[in-house]
Amino acid sequence: MDPRSILCAVSRSATRVGIDHPVGVHSLRHSAATAMLEAGINLKAVSDLLGHTDSPSADGPDGALGHGLG
């Protein structure tokens, strides 16, 4: 499948549900990570699943839990 087709499908879907800012395929990665954290999955497990090599941090405004979950 052509990556541009995926991007187009994601963008169209976002528009259909009322998201009015640019949404890319990488947004799906962030959404999945957020959903896992909200479901109570351990931050380290989510980080490992996403292939991060650095230690996860939930500190600060840009941390994984910076949007009010922590």
C-alpha atoms as a PDB file:
ATOM      1  CA  MET A   1       0.000   0.000   0.000  1.00  0.00           C
ATOM      2  CA  ASP A   2       1.246   3.459  -0.899  1.00  0.00           C
ATOM      3  CA  PRO A   3       2.051   5.549   2.210  1.00  0.00           C
ATOM      4  CA  ARG A   4       0.368   8.545   0.557  1.00  0.00           C
ATOM      5  CA  SER A   5      -2.889   6.564   0.409  1.00  0.00           C
ATOM      6  CA  ILE A   6      -2.700   5.945   4.153  1.00  0.00           C
ATOM      7  CA  LEU A   7      -1.986   9.608   4.859  1.00  0.00           C
ATOM      8  CA  CYS A   8      -4.897  10.640   2.655  1.00  0.00           C
ATOM      9  CA  ALA A   9      -7.265   8.209   4.412  1.00  0.00           C
ATOM     10  CA  VAL A  10      -6.163   9.422   7.862  1.00  0.00           C
ATOM     11  CA  SER A  11      -6.579  13.064   6.842  1.00  0.00           C
ATOM     12  CA  ARG A  12     -10.049  12.460   5.359  1.00  0.00           C
ATOM     13  CA  SER A  13     -11.149  10.554   8.447  1.00  0.00           C
ATOM     14  CA  ALA A  14      -9.940  13.325  10.727  1.00  0.00           C
ATOM     15  CA  THR A  15     -11.851  15.906   8.700  1.00  0.00           C
ATOM     16  CA  ARG A  16     -15.015  13.774   8.827  1.00  0.00           C
ATOM     17  CA  VAL A  17     -14.947  13.659  12.628  1.00  0.00           C
ATOM     18  CA  GLY A  18     -14.354  17.394  12.957  1.00  0.00           C
ATOM     19  CA  ILE A  19     -10.622  17.599  13.578  1.00  0.00           C
ATOM     20  CA  ASP A  20      -9.644  20.897  12.005  1.00  0.00           C
ATOM     21  CA  HIS A  21      -5.856  20.757  12.319  1.00  0.00           C
ATOM     22  CA  PRO A  22      -3.370  18.738  10.270  1.00  0.00           C
ATOM     23  CA  VAL A  23      -3.324  15.062  11.231  1.00  0.00           C
ATOM     24  CA  GLY A  24      -0.726  12.634   9.981  1.00  0.00           C
ATOM     25  CA  VAL A  25      -0.048   8.961  10.332  1.00  0.00           C
ATOM     26  CA  HIS A  26       2.264   9.675  13.267  1.00  0.00           C
ATOM     27  CA  SER A  27      -0.776  11.038  15.116  1.00  0.00           C
ATOM     28  CA  LEU A  28      -2.090   7.460  15.208  1.00  0.00           C
ATOM     29  CA  ARG A  29       1.036   6.420  17.101  1.00  0.00           C
ATOM     30  CA  HIS A  30       0.461   9.143  19.683  1.00  0.00           C
ATOM     31  CA  SER A  31      -3.228   8.283  19.954  1.00  0.00           C
ATOM     32  CA  ALA A  32      -2.452   4.603  20.486  1.00  0.00           C
ATOM     33  CA  ALA A  33       0.130   5.417  23.166  1.00  0.00           C
ATOM     34  CA  THR A  34      -2.305   7.745  24.937  1.00  0.00           C
ATOM     35  CA  ALA A  35      -5.066   5.125  24.837  1.00  0.00           C
ATOM     36  CA  MET A  36      -2.717   2.515  26.315  1.00  0.00           C
ATOM     37  CA  LEU A  37      -1.637   4.855  29.120  1.00  0.00           C
ATOM     38  CA  GLU A  38      -5.244   5.812  29.871  1.00  0.00           C
ATOM     39  CA  ALA A  39      -6.086   2.090  30.020  1.00  0.00           C
ATOM     40  CA  GLY A  40      -3.485   1.714  32.754  1.00  0.00           C
ATOM     41  CA  ILE A  41      -0.719   0.044  30.782  1.00  0.00           C
ATOM     42  CA  ASN A  42       2.665   0.686  32.351  1.00  0.00           C
ATOM     43  CA  LEU A  43       4.616   3.571  30.803  1.00  0.00           C
ATOM     44  CA  LYS A  44       7.712   1.395  30.365  1.00  0.00           C
ATOM     45  CA  ALA A  45       5.675  -1.254  28.522  1.00  0.00           C
ATOM     46  CA  VAL A  46       4.198   1.362  26.182  1.00  0.00           C
ATOM     47  CA  SER A  47       7.637   2.836  25.583  1.00  0.00           C
ATOM     48  CA  ASP A  48       9.067  -0.601  24.791  1.00  0.00           C
ATOM     49  CA  LEU A  49       6.174  -1.402  22.455  1.00  0.00           C
ATOM     50  CA  LEU A  50       6.790   1.832  20.545  1.00  0.00           C
ATOM     51  CA  GLY A  51      10.464   0.959  20.208  1.00  0.00           C
ATOM     52  CA  HIS A  52      11.841   3.790  22.311  1.00  0.00           C
ATOM     53  CA  THR A  53      15.377   3.236  23.514  1.00  0.00           C
ATOM     54  CA  ASP A  54      15.513   6.047  26.094  1.00  0.00           C
ATOM     55  CA  SER A  55      14.014   5.710  29.543  1.00  0.00           C
ATOM     56  CA  PRO A  56      10.413   6.943  29.512  1.00  0.00           C
ATOM     57  CA  SER A  57       9.594  10.060  31.473  1.00  0.00           C
ATOM     58  CA  ALA A  58       6.187  11.273  32.539  1.00  0.00           C
ATOM     59  CA  ASP A  59       7.595  14.462  34.026  1.00  0.00           C
ATOM     60  CA  GLY A  60       7.003  17.970  32.813  1.00  0.00           C
ATOM     61  CA  PRO A  61       4.538  19.533  30.401  1.00  0.00           C
ATOM     62  CA  ASP A  62       5.708  17.443  27.444  1.00  0.00           C
ATOM     63  CA  GLY A  63       5.948  14.142  29.283  1.00  0.00           C
ATOM     64  CA  ALA A  64       3.776  11.178  28.410  1.00  0.00           C
ATOM     65  CA  LEU A  65       1.332  12.079  31.141  1.00  0.00           C
ATOM     66  CA  GLY A  66       1.656  15.843  30.778  1.00  0.00           C
ATOM     67  CA  HIS A  67      -1.857  16.260  29.428  1.00  0.00           C
ATOM     68  CA  GLY A  68      -3.452  15.707  32.822  1.00  0.00           C
ATOM     69  CA  LEU A  69      -3.336  11.971  33.372  1.00  0.00           C
ATOM     70  CA  GLY A  70      -0.608  12.118  35.963  1.00  0.00           C
END
